Amino acid sequence: MTNIWIMTMLKTEFAAFVEEQIALAGEILADAKVSKRDYMSGGKLSVFLALHRVLQGKPTEQDLGMLRLSEI
């Protein structure tokens, strides 16, 4: 029973971290200035959005491929 609680807590904390990273990347992209950071933030946003969908139980095929959660 304790292990299930710990796993749930870790998943909850990880989900919060993922959502925080999505927000941070979005803030950088919302800035009117165009820079190398935009490209890095766009890449991070893609990965964290994929993780978010996986954690929600609604991954796309692209998400599974990006995160290597599916065998080809």
N, C-alpha and C. Protein backbone atom coordinates (compact mmCIF):
# COMPACT_ATOMS: atom_id res chain seq x y z
N MET A 1 0.83 -1.19 0.00
CA MET A 1 0.00 0.00 0.00
C MET A 1 0.87 1.26 0.00
N THR A 2 1.92 1.26 0.78
CA THR A 2 2.81 2.42 0.86
C THR A 2 3.47 2.69 -0.48
N ASN A 3 3.90 1.64 -1.18
CA ASN A 3 4.56 1.81 -2.47
C ASN A 3 3.65 2.49 -3.48
N ILE A 4 2.37 2.16 -3.46
CA ILE A 4 1.41 2.79 -4.38
C ILE A 4 1.31 4.28 -4.07
N TRP A 5 1.26 4.63 -2.79
CA TRP A 5 1.17 6.03 -2.39
C TRP A 5 2.41 6.79 -2.85
N ILE A 6 3.58 6.19 -2.69
CA ILE A 6 4.84 6.84 -3.09
C ILE A 6 4.85 7.04 -4.60
N MET A 7 4.46 6.03 -5.36
CA MET A 7 4.44 6.14 -6.82
C MET A 7 3.46 7.23 -7.26
N THR A 8 2.30 7.31 -6.61
CA THR A 8 1.32 8.34 -6.94
C THR A 8 1.89 9.71 -6.65
N MET A 9 2.54 9.85 -5.52
CA MET A 9 3.15 11.13 -5.14
C MET A 9 4.23 11.52 -6.15
N LEU A 10 5.07 10.58 -6.53
CA LEU A 10 6.11 10.88 -7.49
C LEU A 10 5.51 11.28 -8.83
N LYS A 11 4.47 10.58 -9.26
CA LYS A 11 3.82 10.92 -10.53
C LYS A 11 3.20 12.30 -10.45
N THR A 12 2.58 12.62 -9.33
CA THR A 12 1.97 13.94 -9.15
C THR A 12 3.02 15.04 -9.19
N GLU A 13 4.13 14.83 -8.50
CA GLU A 13 5.21 15.82 -8.50
C GLU A 13 5.83 15.95 -9.89
N PHE A 14 5.99 14.83 -10.59
CA PHE A 14 6.56 14.87 -11.93
C PHE A 14 5.61 15.60 -12.88
N ALA A 15 4.32 15.34 -12.75
CA ALA A 15 3.33 16.03 -13.59
C ALA A 15 3.38 17.54 -13.35
N ALA A 16 3.54 17.94 -12.10
CA ALA A 16 3.65 19.37 -11.77
C ALA A 16 4.91 19.97 -12.39
N PHE A 17 6.02 19.23 -12.35
CA PHE A 17 7.27 19.68 -12.95
C PHE A 17 7.09 19.85 -14.46
N VAL A 18 6.44 18.88 -15.10
CA VAL A 18 6.22 18.94 -16.55
C VAL A 18 5.38 20.18 -16.89
N GLU A 19 4.33 20.41 -16.15
CA GLU A 19 3.48 21.58 -16.40
C GLU A 19 4.24 22.89 -16.20
N GLU A 20 5.11 22.92 -15.21
CA GLU A 20 5.94 24.11 -14.97
C GLU A 20 6.87 24.36 -16.15
N GLN A 21 7.47 23.30 -16.68
CA GLN A 21 8.38 23.44 -17.81
C GLN A 21 7.64 23.90 -19.06
N ILE A 22 6.42 23.43 -19.26
CA ILE A 22 5.60 23.86 -20.39
C ILE A 22 5.33 25.36 -20.28
N ALA A 23 5.00 25.81 -19.08
CA ALA A 23 4.72 27.24 -18.87
C ALA A 23 5.97 28.09 -19.12
N LEU A 24 7.12 27.62 -18.63
CA LEU A 24 8.36 28.38 -18.82
C LEU A 24 8.73 28.49 -20.30
N ALA A 25 8.62 27.38 -21.02
CA ALA A 25 8.93 27.40 -22.45
C ALA A 25 7.95 28.31 -23.19
N GLY A 26 6.70 28.27 -22.79
CA GLY A 26 5.69 29.14 -23.41
C GLY A 26 5.99 30.61 -23.19
N GLU A 27 6.47 30.96 -22.00
CA GLU A 27 6.82 32.36 -21.70
C GLU A 27 7.95 32.85 -22.60
N ILE A 28 8.93 32.00 -22.82
CA ILE A 28 10.06 32.38 -23.67
C ILE A 28 9.58 32.58 -25.10
N LEU A 29 8.71 31.68 -25.57
CA LEU A 29 8.21 31.79 -26.94
C LEU A 29 7.28 32.99 -27.11
N ALA A 30 6.62 33.41 -26.05
CA ALA A 30 5.70 34.54 -26.12
C ALA A 30 6.44 35.88 -26.22
N ASP A 31 7.73 35.89 -25.86
CA ASP A 31 8.54 37.10 -25.96
C ASP A 31 8.64 37.49 -27.44
N ALA A 32 8.53 38.76 -27.73
CA ALA A 32 8.54 39.23 -29.12
C ALA A 32 9.91 39.10 -29.79
N LYS A 33 10.96 38.98 -29.00
CA LYS A 33 12.31 38.86 -29.56
C LYS A 33 12.52 37.46 -30.11
N VAL A 34 13.17 37.37 -31.27
CA VAL A 34 13.49 36.07 -31.86
C VAL A 34 14.96 35.79 -31.58
N SER A 35 15.24 34.61 -31.01
CA SER A 35 16.61 34.26 -30.69
C SER A 35 16.77 32.74 -30.72
N LYS A 36 18.00 32.30 -30.48
CA LYS A 36 18.27 30.86 -30.42
C LYS A 36 17.47 30.20 -29.31
N ARG A 37 17.18 30.98 -28.27
CA ARG A 37 16.39 30.44 -27.15
C ARG A 37 15.01 29.99 -27.62
N ASP A 38 14.46 30.67 -28.64
CA ASP A 38 13.15 30.29 -29.16
C ASP A 38 13.19 28.86 -29.70
N TYR A 39 14.24 28.53 -30.43
CA TYR A 39 14.35 27.20 -31.01
C TYR A 39 14.53 26.14 -29.92
N MET A 40 15.35 26.47 -28.93
CA MET A 40 15.53 25.55 -27.81
C MET A 40 14.24 25.38 -27.03
N SER A 41 13.54 26.46 -26.81
CA SER A 41 12.28 26.40 -26.07
C SER A 41 11.22 25.64 -26.85
N GLY A 42 11.23 25.79 -28.17
CA GLY A 42 10.29 25.05 -29.00
C GLY A 42 10.52 23.55 -28.89
N GLY A 43 11.80 23.16 -28.88
CA GLY A 43 12.13 21.74 -28.72
C GLY A 43 11.73 21.22 -27.35
N LYS A 44 12.03 22.00 -26.31
CA LYS A 44 11.64 21.59 -24.95
C LYS A 44 10.13 21.48 -24.84
N LEU A 45 9.43 22.43 -25.44
CA LEU A 45 7.97 22.43 -25.38
C LEU A 45 7.42 21.16 -26.03
N SER A 46 7.98 20.76 -27.16
CA SER A 46 7.53 19.54 -27.83
C SER A 46 7.68 18.32 -26.93
N VAL A 47 8.83 18.21 -26.28
CA VAL A 47 9.09 17.06 -25.41
C VAL A 47 8.18 17.08 -24.19
N PHE A 48 8.06 18.23 -23.55
CA PHE A 48 7.24 18.29 -22.34
C PHE A 48 5.76 18.15 -22.64
N LEU A 49 5.30 18.62 -23.81
CA LEU A 49 3.90 18.39 -24.18
C LEU A 49 3.65 16.90 -24.42
N ALA A 50 4.63 16.22 -25.02
CA ALA A 50 4.50 14.78 -25.22
C ALA A 50 4.44 14.06 -23.87
N LEU A 51 5.31 14.44 -22.95
CA LEU A 51 5.28 13.84 -21.61
C LEU A 51 3.95 14.11 -20.92
N HIS A 52 3.44 15.32 -21.08
CA HIS A 52 2.16 15.68 -20.46
C HIS A 52 1.03 14.78 -20.98
N ARG A 53 1.00 14.58 -22.29
CA ARG A 53 -0.05 13.72 -22.87
C ARG A 53 0.11 12.28 -22.40
N VAL A 54 1.34 11.80 -22.28
CA VAL A 54 1.56 10.44 -21.78
C VAL A 54 1.07 10.32 -20.35
N LEU A 55 1.39 11.28 -19.52
CA LEU A 55 0.96 11.25 -18.12
C LEU A 55 -0.56 11.33 -18.00
N GLN A 56 -1.21 11.99 -18.96
CA GLN A 56 -2.67 12.09 -18.96
C GLN A 56 -3.32 10.84 -19.55
N GLY A 57 -2.49 9.94 -20.09
CA GLY A 57 -3.02 8.72 -20.69
C GLY A 57 -3.58 8.93 -22.08
N LYS A 58 -3.15 10.03 -22.75
CA LYS A 58 -3.66 10.35 -24.08
C LYS A 58 -2.53 10.65 -25.06
N PRO A 59 -1.53 9.76 -25.14
CA PRO A 59 -0.41 10.05 -26.04
C PRO A 59 -0.79 9.84 -27.50
N THR A 60 -0.13 10.60 -28.37
CA THR A 60 -0.27 10.38 -29.80
C THR A 60 0.81 9.38 -30.23
N GLU A 61 0.70 8.89 -31.45
CA GLU A 61 1.74 8.00 -31.97
C GLU A 61 3.09 8.72 -32.01
N GLN A 62 3.06 10.00 -32.35
CA GLN A 62 4.29 10.79 -32.39
C GLN A 62 4.91 10.91 -31.00
N ASP A 63 4.08 11.10 -29.98
CA ASP A 63 4.58 11.17 -28.60
C ASP A 63 5.31 9.88 -28.24
N LEU A 64 4.68 8.75 -28.56
CA LEU A 64 5.28 7.45 -28.22
C LEU A 64 6.60 7.25 -28.95
N GLY A 65 6.66 7.67 -30.20
CA GLY A 65 7.90 7.55 -30.96
C GLY A 65 8.98 8.48 -30.43
N MET A 66 8.61 9.71 -30.10
CA MET A 66 9.58 10.68 -29.59
C MET A 66 10.18 10.21 -28.29
N LEU A 67 9.34 9.65 -27.44
CA LEU A 67 9.80 9.23 -26.12
C LEU A 67 10.26 7.77 -26.10
N ARG A 68 10.26 7.15 -27.27
CA ARG A 68 10.70 5.76 -27.46
C ARG A 68 9.94 4.81 -26.54
N LEU A 69 8.63 5.02 -26.46
CA LEU A 69 7.79 4.16 -25.64
C LEU A 69 7.09 3.11 -26.48
N SER A 70 7.43 3.07 -27.75
CA SER A 70 6.79 2.13 -28.66
C SER A 70 7.85 1.45 -29.51
N GLU A 71 7.65 0.19 -29.75
CA GLU A 71 8.56 -0.54 -30.64
C GLU A 71 8.11 -0.34 -32.07
N ILE A 72 9.05 -0.14 -32.95
CA ILE A 72 8.72 0.05 -34.37
C ILE A 72 8.70 -1.28 -35.06
